[in-house]
């Protein structure tokens, strides 16, 4: 379980990602990339890599969050549960301020051209295709092991 209290301040409404589970690939979205849309609602991009560069199958996990990430410096608790299945896939649940926002699964493709992940690592910070001015404060950040029933 990844957990942090964030405050995000910006005068713009650009889309950005704030958390990802990466596997070291170049091109395409990683297996899990948590985005904040222009309207503040979150979604998870999840691509299957099939070749060099941007050769991939685009996808998403679990829909769009009902709650919004605030851009006025308000502190919000962001939590992401990642439950690995032992076969290269995982379930992911995203909470904002204690309420479930997104719940979905990533499964590696069975296609012969799919490139399978050999390792995963967590990344937290702001990534955007557009440069914009912002301040992200992240406190009490950590990753802990939890039991899931």
N, C-alpha and C. Protein backbone atom coordinates (compact mmCIF):
# COMPACT_ATOMS: atom_id res chain seq x y z
N UNK A 1 0.86 -1.17 0.00
CA UNK A 1 0.00 0.00 0.00
C UNK A 1 0.90 1.23 0.00
N UNK A 2 0.74 2.04 -1.05
CA UNK A 2 1.41 3.33 -1.12
C UNK A 2 0.47 4.35 -0.48
N UNK A 3 1.01 5.23 0.34
CA UNK A 3 0.19 6.21 1.03
C UNK A 3 0.97 7.51 1.17
N UNK A 4 0.29 8.64 0.94
CA UNK A 4 0.90 9.94 1.14
C UNK A 4 -0.19 11.00 1.32
N UNK A 5 0.14 12.02 2.06
CA UNK A 5 -0.73 13.19 2.14
C UNK A 5 -0.15 14.23 1.19
N UNK A 6 -0.94 14.62 0.20
CA UNK A 6 -0.46 15.55 -0.81
C UNK A 6 -1.21 16.87 -0.72
N UNK A 7 -0.52 17.91 -1.15
CA UNK A 7 -1.19 19.18 -1.43
C UNK A 7 -0.61 19.66 -2.75
N UNK A 8 -1.49 20.03 -3.64
CA UNK A 8 -1.10 20.42 -5.00
C UNK A 8 -1.62 21.82 -5.25
N UNK A 9 -0.72 22.69 -5.69
CA UNK A 9 -1.09 24.07 -5.96
C UNK A 9 -0.64 24.44 -7.36
N UNK A 10 -1.58 24.93 -8.16
CA UNK A 10 -1.26 25.39 -9.51
C UNK A 10 -2.38 26.31 -9.99
N UNK A 11 -2.03 27.29 -10.80
CA UNK A 11 -3.08 28.14 -11.37
C UNK A 11 -3.69 27.55 -12.65
N UNK A 12 -3.16 26.42 -13.13
CA UNK A 12 -3.63 25.83 -14.39
C UNK A 12 -4.42 24.55 -14.14
N UNK A 13 -5.06 24.07 -15.19
CA UNK A 13 -5.83 22.83 -15.12
C UNK A 13 -5.24 21.76 -16.04
N UNK A 14 -3.93 21.67 -16.13
CA UNK A 14 -3.30 20.66 -16.98
C UNK A 14 -3.48 19.26 -16.41
N UNK A 15 -3.56 18.28 -17.31
CA UNK A 15 -3.55 16.87 -16.91
C UNK A 15 -2.13 16.49 -16.52
N UNK A 16 -2.00 15.63 -15.50
CA UNK A 16 -0.69 15.16 -15.08
C UNK A 16 -0.84 13.80 -14.42
N UNK A 17 0.25 13.07 -14.33
CA UNK A 17 0.23 11.82 -13.55
C UNK A 17 0.92 12.08 -12.23
N UNK A 18 0.48 11.32 -11.22
CA UNK A 18 0.99 11.54 -9.87
C UNK A 18 1.58 10.27 -9.26
N UNK A 19 1.28 9.10 -9.85
CA UNK A 19 1.79 7.83 -9.32
C UNK A 19 1.82 6.82 -10.46
N UNK A 20 2.82 5.94 -10.43
CA UNK A 20 2.85 4.87 -11.43
C UNK A 20 3.52 3.63 -10.87
N UNK A 21 3.16 2.50 -11.46
CA UNK A 21 3.88 1.25 -11.27
C UNK A 21 4.56 1.00 -12.59
N UNK A 22 5.85 1.15 -12.60
CA UNK A 22 6.62 1.08 -13.84
C UNK A 22 7.35 -0.24 -13.94
N UNK A 23 7.71 -0.58 -15.17
CA UNK A 23 8.49 -1.80 -15.39
C UNK A 23 9.73 -1.53 -16.23
N UNK A 24 10.07 -0.26 -16.43
CA UNK A 24 11.29 0.11 -17.13
C UNK A 24 11.15 0.23 -18.64
N UNK A 25 9.95 0.08 -19.16
CA UNK A 25 9.75 0.14 -20.61
C UNK A 25 9.98 1.56 -21.14
N UNK A 26 10.35 1.65 -22.39
CA UNK A 26 10.42 2.92 -23.09
C UNK A 26 9.25 2.99 -24.06
N UNK A 27 8.53 4.09 -24.03
CA UNK A 27 7.35 4.23 -24.87
C UNK A 27 6.15 3.58 -24.22
N UNK A 28 4.98 4.04 -24.54
CA UNK A 28 3.71 3.54 -24.00
C UNK A 28 3.59 3.89 -22.51
N UNK A 29 2.38 3.85 -22.00
CA UNK A 29 2.17 4.03 -20.56
C UNK A 29 2.67 2.79 -19.84
N UNK A 30 3.10 2.92 -18.60
CA UNK A 30 3.48 1.73 -17.82
C UNK A 30 2.24 0.91 -17.48
N UNK A 31 2.41 -0.23 -16.81
CA UNK A 31 1.26 -1.05 -16.45
C UNK A 31 0.21 -0.29 -15.63
N UNK A 32 0.64 0.69 -14.83
CA UNK A 32 -0.30 1.52 -14.09
C UNK A 32 0.26 2.93 -14.03
N UNK A 33 -0.50 3.89 -14.52
CA UNK A 33 -0.12 5.30 -14.43
C UNK A 33 -1.37 6.07 -14.01
N UNK A 34 -1.35 6.59 -12.78
CA UNK A 34 -2.49 7.31 -12.22
C UNK A 34 -2.44 8.77 -12.65
N UNK A 35 -3.43 9.16 -13.45
CA UNK A 35 -3.51 10.52 -13.98
C UNK A 35 -4.56 11.32 -13.24
N UNK A 36 -4.34 12.64 -13.19
CA UNK A 36 -5.35 13.60 -12.74
C UNK A 36 -5.74 14.39 -13.98
N UNK A 37 -7.01 14.32 -14.35
CA UNK A 37 -7.49 15.02 -15.55
C UNK A 37 -7.59 16.52 -15.29
N UNK A 38 -7.91 17.25 -16.34
CA UNK A 38 -8.06 18.70 -16.24
C UNK A 38 -9.12 19.09 -15.21
N UNK A 39 -10.17 18.26 -15.07
CA UNK A 39 -11.24 18.55 -14.11
C UNK A 39 -10.96 18.03 -12.70
N UNK A 40 -9.77 17.44 -12.49
CA UNK A 40 -9.38 16.96 -11.16
C UNK A 40 -9.72 15.51 -10.88
N UNK A 41 -10.53 14.88 -11.75
CA UNK A 41 -10.87 13.48 -11.54
C UNK A 41 -9.71 12.59 -12.02
N UNK A 42 -9.57 11.44 -11.38
CA UNK A 42 -8.45 10.54 -11.67
C UNK A 42 -8.87 9.38 -12.57
N UNK A 43 -7.90 8.86 -13.31
CA UNK A 43 -8.08 7.61 -14.05
C UNK A 43 -6.72 6.93 -14.15
N UNK A 44 -6.73 5.64 -14.47
CA UNK A 44 -5.50 4.87 -14.59
C UNK A 44 -5.31 4.45 -16.04
N UNK A 45 -4.20 4.91 -16.63
CA UNK A 45 -3.79 4.43 -17.95
C UNK A 45 -2.98 3.16 -17.74
N UNK A 46 -3.12 2.21 -18.66
CA UNK A 46 -2.43 0.94 -18.55
C UNK A 46 -2.26 0.35 -19.94
N UNK A 47 -1.04 0.41 -20.45
CA UNK A 47 -0.78 -0.08 -21.81
C UNK A 47 -0.08 -1.43 -21.81
N UNK A 48 -0.29 -2.18 -22.88
CA UNK A 48 0.42 -3.43 -23.15
C UNK A 48 1.45 -3.11 -24.22
N UNK A 49 2.71 -3.32 -23.93
CA UNK A 49 3.80 -3.03 -24.87
C UNK A 49 3.92 -4.20 -25.85
N UNK A 50 3.97 -3.87 -27.16
CA UNK A 50 4.03 -4.92 -28.18
C UNK A 50 5.24 -4.80 -29.11
N UNK A 51 6.06 -3.78 -28.93
CA UNK A 51 7.21 -3.61 -29.80
C UNK A 51 7.95 -2.33 -29.47
N UNK A 52 8.88 -1.93 -30.34
CA UNK A 52 9.68 -0.74 -30.07
C UNK A 52 8.87 0.55 -30.11
N UNK A 53 9.36 1.57 -29.41
CA UNK A 53 8.73 2.89 -29.43
C UNK A 53 7.33 2.87 -28.85
N UNK A 54 6.40 3.49 -29.58
CA UNK A 54 5.01 3.59 -29.13
C UNK A 54 4.15 2.46 -29.66
N UNK A 55 4.72 1.31 -29.90
CA UNK A 55 3.96 0.14 -30.35
C UNK A 55 3.31 -0.49 -29.12
N UNK A 56 2.02 -0.23 -28.94
CA UNK A 56 1.35 -0.70 -27.74
C UNK A 56 -0.16 -0.77 -27.93
N UNK A 57 -0.79 -1.46 -27.02
CA UNK A 57 -2.24 -1.51 -26.95
C UNK A 57 -2.63 -0.60 -25.80
N UNK A 58 -3.33 0.49 -26.10
CA UNK A 58 -3.72 1.47 -25.08
C UNK A 58 -4.87 0.93 -24.25
N UNK A 59 -4.82 1.21 -22.96
CA UNK A 59 -5.89 0.74 -22.09
C UNK A 59 -6.03 1.58 -20.84
N UNK A 60 -7.09 1.32 -20.10
CA UNK A 60 -7.31 1.95 -18.81
C UNK A 60 -7.79 0.88 -17.83
N UNK A 61 -7.68 1.20 -16.53
CA UNK A 61 -8.10 0.28 -15.48
C UNK A 61 -9.14 0.98 -14.62
N UNK A 62 -10.31 0.39 -14.47
CA UNK A 62 -11.25 0.77 -13.43
C UNK A 62 -12.06 2.04 -13.55
N UNK A 63 -12.07 2.73 -14.67
CA UNK A 63 -12.94 3.88 -14.82
C UNK A 63 -12.35 5.18 -14.27
N UNK A 64 -13.21 6.16 -14.04
CA UNK A 64 -12.82 7.50 -13.60
C UNK A 64 -13.34 7.75 -12.19
N UNK A 65 -12.53 8.42 -11.39
CA UNK A 65 -12.92 8.69 -10.00
C UNK A 65 -14.07 9.68 -9.91
N UNK A 66 -14.95 9.52 -8.92
CA UNK A 66 -15.98 10.53 -8.71
C UNK A 66 -15.43 11.78 -8.01
N UNK A 67 -14.46 11.60 -7.12
CA UNK A 67 -13.88 12.73 -6.38
C UNK A 67 -12.79 13.40 -7.20
N UNK A 68 -12.43 14.60 -6.80
CA UNK A 68 -11.44 15.39 -7.54
C UNK A 68 -10.23 15.74 -6.69
N UNK A 69 -9.06 15.70 -7.32
CA UNK A 69 -7.85 16.19 -6.69
C UNK A 69 -7.92 17.72 -6.73
N UNK A 70 -7.74 18.34 -5.58
CA UNK A 70 -7.83 19.79 -5.50
C UNK A 70 -6.51 20.43 -5.90
N UNK A 71 -6.58 21.62 -6.47
CA UNK A 71 -5.39 22.33 -6.95
C UNK A 71 -5.14 23.61 -6.18
N UNK A 72 -5.77 23.74 -5.01
CA UNK A 72 -5.66 24.98 -4.23
C UNK A 72 -4.79 24.85 -2.99
N UNK A 73 -4.01 23.76 -2.89
CA UNK A 73 -3.14 23.54 -1.74
C UNK A 73 -3.77 22.77 -0.61
N UNK A 74 -5.04 22.36 -0.75
CA UNK A 74 -5.72 21.56 0.27
C UNK A 74 -5.03 20.21 0.41
N UNK A 75 -4.77 19.78 1.64
CA UNK A 75 -4.18 18.46 1.85
C UNK A 75 -5.21 17.37 1.59
N UNK A 76 -4.78 16.32 0.88
CA UNK A 76 -5.62 15.17 0.60
C UNK A 76 -4.80 13.90 0.78
N UNK A 77 -5.43 12.88 1.34
CA UNK A 77 -4.78 11.60 1.54
C UNK A 77 -4.97 10.74 0.29
N UNK A 78 -3.86 10.36 -0.34
CA UNK A 78 -3.87 9.49 -1.51
C UNK A 78 -3.30 8.14 -1.12
N UNK A 79 -4.07 7.08 -1.38
CA UNK A 79 -3.62 5.73 -1.10
C UNK A 79 -3.84 4.86 -2.33
N UNK A 80 -2.85 4.01 -2.62
CA UNK A 80 -2.94 3.09 -3.76
C UNK A 80 -2.53 1.70 -3.28
N UNK A 81 -3.48 0.78 -3.34
CA UNK A 81 -3.21 -0.62 -3.01
C UNK A 81 -2.86 -1.35 -4.29
N UNK A 82 -1.79 -2.11 -4.25
CA UNK A 82 -1.39 -2.94 -5.38
C UNK A 82 -1.28 -4.37 -4.85
N UNK A 83 -2.11 -5.25 -5.38
CA UNK A 83 -2.15 -6.63 -4.94
C UNK A 83 -1.69 -7.51 -6.10
N UNK A 84 -0.40 -7.90 -6.07
CA UNK A 84 0.18 -8.71 -7.14
C UNK A 84 -0.38 -10.13 -7.10
N UNK A 85 -0.61 -10.69 -8.30
CA UNK A 85 -1.23 -12.02 -8.37
C UNK A 85 -0.23 -13.15 -8.61
N UNK A 86 1.05 -12.84 -8.76
CA UNK A 86 2.06 -13.87 -8.97
C UNK A 86 2.20 -14.32 -10.41
N UNK A 87 1.38 -13.77 -11.31
CA UNK A 87 1.42 -14.13 -12.73
C UNK A 87 1.68 -12.92 -13.62
N UNK A 88 2.26 -11.87 -13.04
CA UNK A 88 2.57 -10.67 -13.82
C UNK A 88 1.45 -9.65 -13.85
N UNK A 89 0.37 -9.92 -13.13
CA UNK A 89 -0.75 -8.99 -13.07
C UNK A 89 -0.96 -8.49 -11.66
N UNK A 90 -1.92 -7.60 -11.49
CA UNK A 90 -2.23 -7.08 -10.16
C UNK A 90 -3.61 -6.43 -10.14
N UNK A 91 -4.15 -6.35 -8.95
CA UNK A 91 -5.35 -5.56 -8.68
C UNK A 91 -4.88 -4.25 -8.09
N UNK A 92 -5.55 -3.17 -8.43
CA UNK A 92 -5.20 -1.86 -7.90
C UNK A 92 -6.46 -1.15 -7.42
N UNK A 93 -6.37 -0.58 -6.21
CA UNK A 93 -7.47 0.20 -5.65
C UNK A 93 -6.89 1.55 -5.25
N UNK A 94 -7.56 2.64 -5.65
CA UNK A 94 -7.13 4.00 -5.34
C UNK A 94 -8.16 4.63 -4.41
N UNK A 95 -7.68 5.19 -3.30
CA UNK A 95 -8.52 5.94 -2.37
C UNK A 95 -8.08 7.41 -2.38
N UNK A 96 -9.03 8.29 -2.20
CA UNK A 96 -8.74 9.71 -1.97
C UNK A 96 -9.53 10.10 -0.73
N UNK A 97 -8.80 10.56 0.28
CA UNK A 97 -9.41 10.94 1.56
C UNK A 97 -10.28 9.83 2.14
N UNK A 98 -9.80 8.58 2.04
CA UNK A 98 -10.46 7.44 2.65
C UNK A 98 -11.59 6.81 1.86
N UNK A 99 -11.93 7.37 0.71
CA UNK A 99 -13.03 6.82 -0.10
C UNK A 99 -12.46 6.16 -1.37
N UNK A 100 -12.95 4.95 -1.67
CA UNK A 100 -12.51 4.26 -2.88
C UNK A 100 -12.91 5.08 -4.10
N UNK A 101 -11.96 5.26 -5.01
CA UNK A 101 -12.18 6.03 -6.23
C UNK A 101 -12.11 5.17 -7.48
N UNK A 102 -11.14 4.25 -7.51
CA UNK A 102 -10.91 3.40 -8.68
C UNK A 102 -10.56 2.01 -8.17
N UNK A 103 -11.10 0.98 -8.81
CA UNK A 103 -10.80 -0.40 -8.46
C UNK A 103 -10.75 -1.19 -9.77
N UNK A 104 -9.60 -1.75 -10.08
CA UNK A 104 -9.48 -2.48 -11.34
C UNK A 104 -8.30 -3.43 -11.35
N UNK A 105 -8.15 -4.14 -12.45
CA UNK A 105 -7.09 -5.15 -12.59
C UNK A 105 -6.26 -4.93 -13.84
N UNK A 106 -4.97 -5.24 -13.71
CA UNK A 106 -4.06 -5.29 -14.84
C UNK A 106 -3.69 -6.75 -15.04
N UNK A 107 -3.79 -7.22 -16.27
CA UNK A 107 -3.38 -8.58 -16.60
C UNK A 107 -2.48 -8.52 -17.82
N UNK A 108 -1.35 -9.23 -17.78
CA UNK A 108 -0.49 -9.24 -18.96
C UNK A 108 -1.21 -9.88 -20.14
N UNK A 109 -0.93 -9.38 -21.32
CA UNK A 109 -1.58 -9.89 -22.53
C UNK A 109 -1.08 -11.29 -22.87
N UNK A 110 -1.97 -12.09 -23.43
CA UNK A 110 -1.60 -13.42 -23.90
C UNK A 110 -1.16 -13.40 -25.38
N UNK A 111 -1.18 -12.21 -25.98
CA UNK A 111 -0.76 -12.09 -27.38
C UNK A 111 0.72 -12.45 -27.52
N UNK A 112 1.10 -13.11 -28.59
CA UNK A 112 2.51 -13.51 -28.76
C UNK A 112 3.47 -12.32 -28.91
N UNK A 113 2.96 -11.16 -29.36
CA UNK A 113 3.83 -10.00 -29.54
C UNK A 113 3.92 -9.12 -28.29
N UNK A 114 3.21 -9.47 -27.23
CA UNK A 114 3.23 -8.67 -26.00
C UNK A 114 4.55 -8.86 -25.26
N UNK A 115 5.10 -7.76 -24.80
CA UNK A 115 6.33 -7.79 -24.01
C UNK A 115 5.93 -7.84 -22.54
N UNK A 116 6.34 -8.90 -21.85
CA UNK A 116 5.94 -9.10 -20.46
C UNK A 116 6.89 -8.37 -19.52
N UNK A 117 6.35 -7.88 -18.42
CA UNK A 117 7.14 -7.19 -17.40
C UNK A 117 7.93 -8.21 -16.59
N UNK A 118 9.18 -7.88 -16.28
CA UNK A 118 9.99 -8.77 -15.45
C UNK A 118 10.13 -8.24 -14.03
N UNK A 119 9.86 -6.95 -13.83
CA UNK A 119 9.92 -6.35 -12.51
C UNK A 119 9.04 -5.11 -12.49
N UNK A 120 8.64 -4.70 -11.30
CA UNK A 120 7.82 -3.50 -11.12
C UNK A 120 8.46 -2.61 -10.07
N UNK A 121 8.30 -1.31 -10.20
CA UNK A 121 8.69 -0.38 -9.14
C UNK A 121 7.74 0.80 -9.13
N UNK A 122 7.58 1.39 -7.94
CA UNK A 122 6.65 2.49 -7.73
C UNK A 122 7.36 3.82 -8.00
N UNK A 123 6.63 4.76 -8.61
CA UNK A 123 7.14 6.12 -8.83
C UNK A 123 6.05 7.11 -8.40
N UNK A 124 6.47 8.14 -7.67
CA UNK A 124 5.53 9.17 -7.23
C UNK A 124 6.12 10.53 -7.55
N UNK A 125 5.32 11.39 -8.14
CA UNK A 125 5.74 12.73 -8.53
C UNK A 125 4.84 13.20 -9.66
N UNK A 126 5.14 14.36 -10.19
CA UNK A 126 4.31 14.93 -11.25
C UNK A 126 5.01 14.73 -12.59
N UNK A 127 4.27 14.18 -13.55
CA UNK A 127 4.73 14.07 -14.92
C UNK A 127 3.62 14.61 -15.81
N UNK A 128 3.99 15.46 -16.77
CA UNK A 128 3.00 16.01 -17.69
C UNK A 128 3.66 16.20 -19.05
N UNK A 129 2.88 16.03 -20.10
CA UNK A 129 3.39 16.31 -21.45
C UNK A 129 3.57 17.80 -21.66
N UNK A 130 2.85 18.60 -20.88
CA UNK A 130 2.96 20.06 -20.96
C UNK A 130 3.67 20.59 -19.72
N UNK A 131 4.59 21.51 -19.92
CA UNK A 131 5.27 22.16 -18.80
C UNK A 131 4.30 23.16 -18.17
N UNK A 132 4.18 23.14 -16.85
CA UNK A 132 3.35 24.12 -16.16
C UNK A 132 3.90 24.34 -14.76
N UNK A 133 3.53 25.46 -14.16
CA UNK A 133 3.99 25.82 -12.83
C UNK A 133 3.10 25.16 -11.79
N UNK A 134 3.70 24.50 -10.81
CA UNK A 134 2.95 23.85 -9.75
C UNK A 134 3.84 23.67 -8.52
N UNK A 135 3.21 23.40 -7.39
CA UNK A 135 3.91 22.97 -6.19
C UNK A 135 3.20 21.73 -5.68
N UNK A 136 3.95 20.63 -5.55
CA UNK A 136 3.43 19.40 -4.97
C UNK A 136 4.16 19.17 -3.66
N UNK A 137 3.41 19.07 -2.59
CA UNK A 137 3.98 18.70 -1.29
C UNK A 137 3.42 17.32 -0.94
N UNK A 138 4.32 16.44 -0.57
CA UNK A 138 3.94 15.07 -0.24
C UNK A 138 4.55 14.75 1.12
N UNK A 139 3.70 14.51 2.12
CA UNK A 139 4.19 14.23 3.46
C UNK A 139 3.70 12.86 3.92
N UNK A 140 4.36 12.33 4.93
CA UNK A 140 4.01 11.02 5.49
C UNK A 140 3.92 9.95 4.40
N UNK A 141 4.81 10.06 3.41
CA UNK A 141 4.80 9.12 2.29
C UNK A 141 5.46 7.81 2.70
N UNK A 142 4.85 6.69 2.26
CA UNK A 142 5.44 5.40 2.55
C UNK A 142 4.77 4.29 1.78
N UNK A 143 5.44 3.16 1.79
CA UNK A 143 4.89 1.93 1.22
C UNK A 143 4.93 0.90 2.33
N UNK A 144 3.80 0.26 2.57
CA UNK A 144 3.76 -0.75 3.63
C UNK A 144 3.02 -2.00 3.13
N UNK A 145 3.37 -3.09 3.71
CA UNK A 145 2.72 -4.35 3.39
C UNK A 145 1.43 -4.45 4.19
N UNK A 146 0.35 -4.84 3.52
CA UNK A 146 -0.94 -4.97 4.19
C UNK A 146 -1.54 -6.34 3.84
N UNK A 147 -2.37 -6.85 4.72
CA UNK A 147 -3.10 -8.09 4.44
C UNK A 147 -4.44 -7.75 3.81
N UNK A 148 -4.78 -8.46 2.76
CA UNK A 148 -6.04 -8.25 2.06
C UNK A 148 -6.84 -9.53 2.18
N UNK A 149 -8.07 -9.40 2.60
CA UNK A 149 -8.93 -10.59 2.74
C UNK A 149 -9.49 -11.01 1.41
